[in-house]
C-alpha atoms as a PDB file:
ATOM      1  CA  UNK A   1      -3.887 -13.401   3.400  1.00  0.00           C
ATOM      2  CA  UNK A   2      -2.218 -10.993   6.136  1.00  0.00           C
ATOM      3  CA  UNK A   3      -2.098  -7.354   7.162  1.00  0.00           C
ATOM      4  CA  UNK A   4       0.859  -5.812   5.391  1.00  0.00           C
ATOM      5  CA  UNK A   5       1.308  -8.119   2.589  1.00  0.00           C
ATOM      6  CA  UNK A   6       1.837  -6.656  -1.166  1.00  0.00           C
ATOM      7  CA  UNK A   7       0.390  -7.731  -3.900  1.00  0.00           C
ATOM      8  CA  UNK A   8       0.998  -7.083  -6.919  1.00  0.00           C
ATOM      9  CA  UNK A   9      -1.512  -4.996  -8.703  1.00  0.00           C
ATOM     10  CA  UNK A  10      -3.549  -6.490 -11.268  1.00  0.00           C
ATOM     11  CA  UNK A  11      -5.307  -3.180 -12.901  1.00  0.00           C
ATOM     12  CA  UNK A  12      -5.101  -0.815 -14.590  1.00  0.00           C
ATOM     13  CA  UNK A  13      -2.724   1.165 -13.209  1.00  0.00           C
ATOM     14  CA  UNK A  14      -0.035  -1.181 -12.675  1.00  0.00           C
ATOM     15  CA  UNK A  15       2.725   0.356 -14.833  1.00  0.00           C
ATOM     16  CA  UNK A  16       3.653   3.266 -12.485  1.00  0.00           C
ATOM     17  CA  UNK A  17       1.322   1.110  -9.521  1.00  0.00           C
ATOM     18  CA  UNK A  18       3.171  -2.143  -9.804  1.00  0.00           C
ATOM     19  CA  UNK A  19       2.630  -3.114  -5.892  1.00  0.00           C
ATOM     20  CA  UNK A  20      -0.462  -2.345  -3.610  1.00  0.00           C
ATOM     21  CA  UNK A  21      -0.415  -3.210   0.709  1.00  0.00           C
ATOM     22  CA  UNK A  22      -2.688  -4.852   2.195  1.00  0.00           C
ATOM     23  CA  UNK A  23      -3.941  -2.453   5.235  1.00  0.00           C
ATOM     24  CA  UNK A  24      -7.015  -3.894   6.194  1.00  0.00           C
ATOM     25  CA  UNK A  25      -6.702  -5.881  10.048  1.00  0.00           C
ATOM     26  CA  UNK A  26      -6.849 -10.023  10.433  1.00  0.00           C
ATOM     27  CA  UNK A  27      -9.556  -9.911  12.235  1.00  0.00           C
ATOM     28  CA  UNK A  28     -11.266  -8.750   8.781  1.00  0.00           C
ATOM     29  CA  UNK A  29     -10.362 -11.360   7.217  1.00  0.00           C
ATOM     30  CA  UNK A  30     -13.787 -13.310   6.132  1.00  0.00           C
ATOM     31  CA  UNK A  31     -14.046  -9.999   4.318  1.00  0.00           C
ATOM     32  CA  UNK A  32     -14.661 -10.459   0.376  1.00  0.00           C
ATOM     33  CA  UNK A  33     -12.037  -7.271  -0.302  1.00  0.00           C
ATOM     34  CA  UNK A  34      -8.668  -5.931   1.237  1.00  0.00           C
ATOM     35  CA  UNK A  35      -8.511  -1.958   1.846  1.00  0.00           C
ATOM     36  CA  UNK A  36      -5.204  -1.034  -0.030  1.00  0.00           C
ATOM     37  CA  UNK A  37      -2.745   1.320  -0.065  1.00  0.00           C
ATOM     38  CA  UNK A  38      -1.019   2.045  -3.531  1.00  0.00           C
ATOM     39  CA  UNK A  39       2.688   1.345  -3.882  1.00  0.00           C
ATOM     40  CA  UNK A  40       3.530   4.347  -6.476  1.00  0.00           C
ATOM     41  CA  UNK A  41       7.173   3.786  -8.904  1.00  0.00           C
ATOM     42  CA  UNK A  42       9.240   7.001  -7.451  1.00  0.00           C
ATOM     43  CA  UNK A  43       9.626   7.800 -10.793  1.00  0.00           C
ATOM     44  CA  UNK A  44       5.998   8.048 -11.139  1.00  0.00           C
ATOM     45  CA  UNK A  45       4.887   9.372  -7.610  1.00  0.00           C
ATOM     46  CA  UNK A  46       2.466  12.837  -8.190  1.00  0.00           C
ATOM     47  CA  UNK A  47       4.599  16.497  -8.137  1.00  0.00           C
ATOM     48  CA  UNK A  48       4.221  18.052  -4.329  1.00  0.00           C
ATOM     49  CA  UNK A  49       5.037  18.038  -0.830  1.00  0.00           C
ATOM     50  CA  UNK A  50       4.139  15.523   1.046  1.00  0.00           C
ATOM     51  CA  UNK A  51       5.865  14.968   4.639  1.00  0.00           C
ATOM     52  CA  UNK A  52       8.066  12.245   4.488  1.00  0.00           C
ATOM     53  CA  UNK A  53       6.284   9.817   7.266  1.00  0.00           C
ATOM     54  CA  UNK A  54       3.184  10.573   5.520  1.00  0.00           C
ATOM     55  CA  UNK A  55       4.961   8.898   2.033  1.00  0.00           C
ATOM     56  CA  UNK A  56       7.630   6.125   2.818  1.00  0.00           C
ATOM     57  CA  UNK A  57       9.237   4.871   0.704  1.00  0.00           C
ATOM     58  CA  UNK A  58      10.478   0.728   0.194  1.00  0.00           C
ATOM     59  CA  UNK A  59      12.600  -1.038  -1.357  1.00  0.00           C
ATOM     60  CA  UNK A  60      10.327  -4.076  -3.884  1.00  0.00           C
ATOM     61  CA  UNK A  61      11.590  -6.269  -6.090  1.00  0.00           C
ATOM     62  CA  UNK A  62      14.115  -4.174  -7.053  1.00  0.00           C
ATOM     63  CA  UNK A  63      11.487  -1.535  -7.901  1.00  0.00           C
ATOM     64  CA  UNK A  64      12.521   2.091  -5.685  1.00  0.00           C
ATOM     65  CA  UNK A  65       7.921   2.844  -4.128  1.00  0.00           C
ATOM     66  CA  UNK A  66       6.518   5.528  -2.487  1.00  0.00           C
ATOM     67  CA  UNK A  67       3.420   4.432  -0.093  1.00  0.00           C
ATOM     68  CA  UNK A  68       0.645   6.862  -0.694  1.00  0.00           C
ATOM     69  CA  UNK A  69      -2.046   6.588   2.468  1.00  0.00           C
ATOM     70  CA  UNK A  70      -4.614   9.452   0.471  1.00  0.00           C
ATOM     71  CA  UNK A  71      -5.095   7.334  -2.177  1.00  0.00           C
ATOM     72  CA  UNK A  72      -6.444   4.106  -0.158  1.00  0.00           C
ATOM     73  CA  UNK A  73      -8.842   1.419  -1.819  1.00  0.00           C
ATOM     74  CA  UNK A  74     -10.914  -1.406  -1.425  1.00  0.00           C
ATOM     75  CA  UNK A  75     -10.338  -4.139  -3.736  1.00  0.00           C
ATOM     76  CA  UNK A  76     -12.196  -7.393  -3.766  1.00  0.00           C
ATOM     77  CA  UNK A  77     -10.157 -10.147  -3.435  1.00  0.00           C
ATOM     78  CA  UNK A  78     -10.484 -11.439  -7.397  1.00  0.00           C
ATOM     79  CA  UNK A  79      -8.845  -8.428  -8.474  1.00  0.00           C
ATOM     80  CA  UNK A  80      -5.819  -9.153  -6.375  1.00  0.00           C
ATOM     81  CA  UNK A  81      -2.557  -9.648  -7.612  1.00  0.00           C
ATOM     82  CA  UNK A  82      -0.309 -12.583  -6.487  1.00  0.00           C
ATOM     83  CA  UNK A  83       1.416 -11.955  -3.072  1.00  0.00           C
ATOM     84  CA  UNK A  84       4.788 -10.932  -4.271  1.00  0.00           C
ATOM     85  CA  UNK A  85       5.919 -10.279  -0.603  1.00  0.00           C
ATOM     86  CA  UNK A  86       5.179  -8.489   2.953  1.00  0.00           C
ATOM     87  CA  UNK A  87       5.981  -5.057   4.387  1.00  0.00           C
ATOM     88  CA  UNK A  88       5.053  -6.337   8.132  1.00  0.00           C
ATOM     89  CA  UNK A  89       8.498  -5.382   9.322  1.00  0.00           C
ATOM     90  CA  UNK A  90       7.810  -1.808   8.376  1.00  0.00           C
ATOM     91  CA  UNK A  91       3.926  -1.744   9.950  1.00  0.00           C
ATOM     92  CA  UNK A  92       4.949   1.283  12.922  1.00  0.00           C
ATOM     93  CA  UNK A  93       5.669   3.132   9.562  1.00  0.00           C
ATOM     94  CA  UNK A  94       3.108   2.386   7.044  1.00  0.00           C
ATOM     95  CA  UNK A  95       0.360   2.556  10.837  1.00  0.00           C
ATOM     96  CA  UNK A  96       2.344   6.259  11.206  1.00  0.00           C
ATOM     97  CA  UNK A  97       1.263   7.520   7.929  1.00  0.00           C
ATOM     98  CA  UNK A  98      -2.041   6.205   8.151  1.00  0.00           C
ATOM     99  CA  UNK A  99      -2.465   7.518  11.223  1.00  0.00           C
ATOM    100  CA  UNK A 100      -1.237  11.281   9.510  1.00  0.00           C
ATOM    101  CA  UNK A 101      -4.529  10.202   7.220  1.00  0.00           C
ATOM    102  CA  UNK A 102      -7.591   9.745   9.691  1.00  0.00           C
ATOM    103  CA  UNK A 103      -6.002  12.524  11.780  1.00  0.00           C
ATOM    104  CA  UNK A 104      -4.887  10.893  14.949  1.00  0.00           C
ATOM    105  CA  UNK A 105      -1.831  12.830  14.906  1.00  0.00           C
END
């Protein structure tokens, strides 16, 4: 498991949130949980005006998804679905969104 890996959402919200991205530091790899941010299908994204840098979008498996840092959660490893890819090339955008959430701006 690596930071910015994308996993299939095996939870009950998978119809609108097909993927989760691992944002946990690789330093904490020994934990039995991962801190994840949901990747919500663009057409199911909750209405409202949020800054674009807070909710960047990505194409994953042919699905346009939007990162929603406000829904950050901890998930047991046993509940993560299979790894489907990585967003490591977008780490700066994801980190900026998390910084926005945590007030680092």
